[in-house]
């Protein structure tokens, strides 16, 4: 958990759509990730990876996509 007084921005709808459509994450898993990311004030891809919802290759794909968008 990150301890900070400054909350990070929530993930964009484009990121969520990419994760759902291109990574193939289920809606239920994505909702869990979004909830945990908000509670832990952490980036969504890190949460998804740390909870085992995506593998390392999928995590890297998301990071590459984020850098180019």
N, C-alpha and C. Protein backbone atom coordinates (compact mmCIF):
# COMPACT_ATOMS: atom_id res chain seq x y z
N UNK A 1 0.84 -1.17 0.00
CA UNK A 1 0.00 0.00 0.00
C UNK A 1 0.88 1.24 0.00
N UNK A 2 0.47 2.21 -0.78
CA UNK A 2 1.19 3.46 -0.86
C UNK A 2 0.56 4.44 0.13
N UNK A 3 1.38 5.01 1.00
CA UNK A 3 0.88 6.01 1.94
C UNK A 3 1.16 7.39 1.40
N UNK A 4 0.11 8.08 1.00
CA UNK A 4 0.26 9.42 0.47
C UNK A 4 -1.02 10.22 0.71
N UNK A 5 -0.87 11.51 0.78
CA UNK A 5 -2.03 12.37 0.94
C UNK A 5 -2.59 12.80 -0.41
N UNK A 6 -1.88 12.46 -1.49
CA UNK A 6 -2.28 12.87 -2.83
C UNK A 6 -2.74 11.65 -3.62
N UNK A 7 -4.04 11.51 -3.83
CA UNK A 7 -4.53 10.35 -4.59
C UNK A 7 -4.10 10.43 -6.05
N UNK A 8 -3.82 9.27 -6.62
CA UNK A 8 -3.48 9.23 -8.04
C UNK A 8 -4.76 9.32 -8.86
N UNK A 9 -4.61 9.68 -10.10
CA UNK A 9 -5.77 9.77 -10.99
C UNK A 9 -6.33 8.38 -11.27
N UNK A 10 -7.62 8.26 -11.38
CA UNK A 10 -8.20 6.95 -11.71
C UNK A 10 -7.81 6.58 -13.14
N UNK A 11 -7.79 5.29 -13.45
CA UNK A 11 -7.44 4.87 -14.80
C UNK A 11 -8.46 5.38 -15.82
N UNK A 12 -7.96 5.68 -17.00
CA UNK A 12 -8.84 6.19 -18.05
C UNK A 12 -9.75 5.08 -18.59
N UNK A 13 -10.84 5.52 -19.19
CA UNK A 13 -11.75 4.54 -19.81
C UNK A 13 -11.07 3.84 -20.98
N UNK A 14 -10.14 4.55 -21.65
CA UNK A 14 -9.39 3.95 -22.75
C UNK A 14 -8.51 2.81 -22.25
N UNK A 15 -7.87 3.02 -21.10
CA UNK A 15 -7.03 1.97 -20.52
C UNK A 15 -7.88 0.76 -20.15
N UNK A 16 -9.01 1.01 -19.52
CA UNK A 16 -9.89 -0.10 -19.13
C UNK A 16 -10.38 -0.86 -20.36
N UNK A 17 -10.71 -0.13 -21.42
CA UNK A 17 -11.16 -0.77 -22.65
C UNK A 17 -10.04 -1.61 -23.26
N UNK A 18 -8.82 -1.08 -23.26
CA UNK A 18 -7.67 -1.82 -23.79
C UNK A 18 -7.44 -3.10 -23.00
N UNK A 19 -7.50 -3.00 -21.69
CA UNK A 19 -7.28 -4.18 -20.83
C UNK A 19 -8.36 -5.22 -21.08
N UNK A 20 -9.57 -4.77 -21.21
CA UNK A 20 -10.69 -5.69 -21.44
C UNK A 20 -10.62 -6.34 -22.82
N UNK A 21 -10.42 -5.52 -23.85
CA UNK A 21 -10.48 -6.02 -25.22
C UNK A 21 -9.19 -6.68 -25.70
N UNK A 22 -8.04 -6.08 -25.38
CA UNK A 22 -6.78 -6.59 -25.91
C UNK A 22 -6.09 -7.59 -24.98
N UNK A 23 -6.24 -7.40 -23.69
CA UNK A 23 -5.62 -8.32 -22.74
C UNK A 23 -6.57 -9.48 -22.45
N UNK A 24 -7.87 -9.22 -22.55
CA UNK A 24 -8.87 -10.26 -22.35
C UNK A 24 -9.28 -10.47 -20.91
N UNK A 25 -9.06 -9.45 -20.09
CA UNK A 25 -9.44 -9.54 -18.68
C UNK A 25 -10.96 -9.46 -18.56
N UNK A 26 -11.53 -10.28 -17.72
CA UNK A 26 -12.98 -10.28 -17.54
C UNK A 26 -13.44 -9.00 -16.86
N UNK A 27 -14.71 -8.69 -17.04
CA UNK A 27 -15.28 -7.49 -16.41
C UNK A 27 -15.19 -7.58 -14.88
N UNK A 28 -15.41 -8.77 -14.35
CA UNK A 28 -15.34 -8.97 -12.90
C UNK A 28 -13.93 -8.71 -12.37
N UNK A 29 -12.94 -9.24 -13.06
CA UNK A 29 -11.55 -9.04 -12.65
C UNK A 29 -11.15 -7.58 -12.76
N UNK A 30 -11.61 -6.92 -13.83
CA UNK A 30 -11.31 -5.50 -14.01
C UNK A 30 -11.95 -4.67 -12.90
N UNK A 31 -13.19 -4.97 -12.54
CA UNK A 31 -13.85 -4.26 -11.45
C UNK A 31 -13.11 -4.44 -10.13
N UNK A 32 -12.65 -5.67 -9.88
CA UNK A 32 -11.86 -5.93 -8.67
C UNK A 32 -10.58 -5.10 -8.69
N UNK A 33 -9.90 -5.09 -9.83
CA UNK A 33 -8.68 -4.30 -9.96
C UNK A 33 -8.92 -2.82 -9.74
N UNK A 34 -9.99 -2.31 -10.30
CA UNK A 34 -10.32 -0.89 -10.12
C UNK A 34 -10.59 -0.56 -8.66
N UNK A 35 -11.31 -1.44 -7.99
CA UNK A 35 -11.62 -1.22 -6.57
C UNK A 35 -10.35 -1.24 -5.73
N UNK A 36 -9.50 -2.24 -5.97
CA UNK A 36 -8.25 -2.35 -5.21
C UNK A 36 -7.31 -1.19 -5.51
N UNK A 37 -7.25 -0.76 -6.78
CA UNK A 37 -6.39 0.36 -7.16
C UNK A 37 -6.82 1.62 -6.42
N UNK A 38 -8.12 1.82 -6.31
CA UNK A 38 -8.63 2.97 -5.59
C UNK A 38 -8.33 2.89 -4.10
N UNK A 39 -8.58 1.73 -3.52
CA UNK A 39 -8.35 1.55 -2.08
C UNK A 39 -6.87 1.68 -1.70
N UNK A 40 -6.01 1.16 -2.58
CA UNK A 40 -4.58 1.16 -2.28
C UNK A 40 -3.85 2.35 -2.89
N UNK A 41 -4.58 3.18 -3.63
CA UNK A 41 -4.00 4.36 -4.27
C UNK A 41 -2.78 3.97 -5.12
N UNK A 42 -2.98 2.95 -5.93
CA UNK A 42 -1.91 2.41 -6.77
C UNK A 42 -2.37 2.32 -8.22
N UNK A 43 -1.43 2.35 -9.16
CA UNK A 43 -1.80 2.23 -10.57
C UNK A 43 -2.46 0.88 -10.86
N UNK A 44 -3.47 0.90 -11.71
CA UNK A 44 -4.23 -0.30 -12.05
C UNK A 44 -3.35 -1.44 -12.55
N UNK A 45 -2.41 -1.21 -13.49
CA UNK A 45 -1.61 -2.34 -13.96
C UNK A 45 -0.80 -3.03 -12.85
N UNK A 46 -0.31 -2.26 -11.92
CA UNK A 46 0.45 -2.85 -10.80
C UNK A 46 -0.46 -3.70 -9.93
N UNK A 47 -1.66 -3.22 -9.68
CA UNK A 47 -2.63 -3.98 -8.89
C UNK A 47 -3.00 -5.27 -9.59
N UNK A 48 -3.30 -5.18 -10.88
CA UNK A 48 -3.69 -6.38 -11.64
C UNK A 48 -2.57 -7.43 -11.60
N UNK A 49 -1.33 -6.98 -11.74
CA UNK A 49 -0.20 -7.90 -11.71
C UNK A 49 0.03 -8.47 -10.30
N UNK A 50 -0.03 -7.60 -9.30
CA UNK A 50 0.26 -8.05 -7.94
C UNK A 50 -0.78 -9.02 -7.40
N UNK A 51 -2.01 -8.93 -7.91
CA UNK A 51 -3.05 -9.87 -7.49
C UNK A 51 -3.15 -11.08 -8.41
N UNK A 52 -2.24 -11.18 -9.36
CA UNK A 52 -2.22 -12.34 -10.25
C UNK A 52 -3.31 -12.35 -11.29
N UNK A 53 -3.89 -11.20 -11.57
CA UNK A 53 -4.96 -11.13 -12.56
C UNK A 53 -4.41 -11.03 -13.98
N UNK A 54 -3.17 -10.60 -14.12
CA UNK A 54 -2.47 -10.60 -15.40
C UNK A 54 -1.06 -11.13 -15.17
N UNK A 55 -0.44 -11.64 -16.23
CA UNK A 55 0.93 -12.13 -16.12
C UNK A 55 1.91 -11.03 -16.53
N UNK A 56 3.19 -11.33 -16.45
CA UNK A 56 4.22 -10.33 -16.73
C UNK A 56 4.15 -9.83 -18.17
N UNK A 57 3.94 -10.72 -19.11
CA UNK A 57 3.85 -10.31 -20.52
C UNK A 57 2.67 -9.36 -20.73
N UNK A 58 1.53 -9.66 -20.12
CA UNK A 58 0.37 -8.78 -20.23
C UNK A 58 0.64 -7.44 -19.57
N UNK A 59 1.32 -7.46 -18.42
CA UNK A 59 1.69 -6.22 -17.73
C UNK A 59 2.56 -5.36 -18.64
N UNK A 60 3.56 -5.97 -19.27
CA UNK A 60 4.45 -5.24 -20.16
C UNK A 60 3.69 -4.67 -21.36
N UNK A 61 2.74 -5.43 -21.88
CA UNK A 61 1.92 -4.95 -23.00
C UNK A 61 1.13 -3.71 -22.59
N UNK A 62 0.59 -3.72 -21.40
CA UNK A 62 -0.18 -2.57 -20.90
C UNK A 62 0.73 -1.35 -20.76
N UNK A 63 1.92 -1.55 -20.20
CA UNK A 63 2.86 -0.44 -19.99
C UNK A 63 3.28 0.16 -21.34
N UNK A 64 3.56 -0.68 -22.31
CA UNK A 64 3.92 -0.20 -23.65
C UNK A 64 2.77 0.59 -24.25
N UNK A 65 1.55 0.10 -24.10
CA UNK A 65 0.37 0.79 -24.61
C UNK A 65 0.23 2.16 -23.93
N UNK A 66 0.42 2.22 -22.61
CA UNK A 66 0.28 3.47 -21.87
C UNK A 66 1.30 4.50 -22.35
N UNK A 67 2.52 4.05 -22.60
CA UNK A 67 3.57 4.98 -23.05
C UNK A 67 3.27 5.56 -24.43
N UNK A 68 2.57 4.79 -25.26
CA UNK A 68 2.30 5.27 -26.62
C UNK A 68 0.97 6.01 -26.73
N UNK A 69 0.20 6.07 -25.65
CA UNK A 69 -1.10 6.73 -25.70
C UNK A 69 -1.22 7.83 -24.69
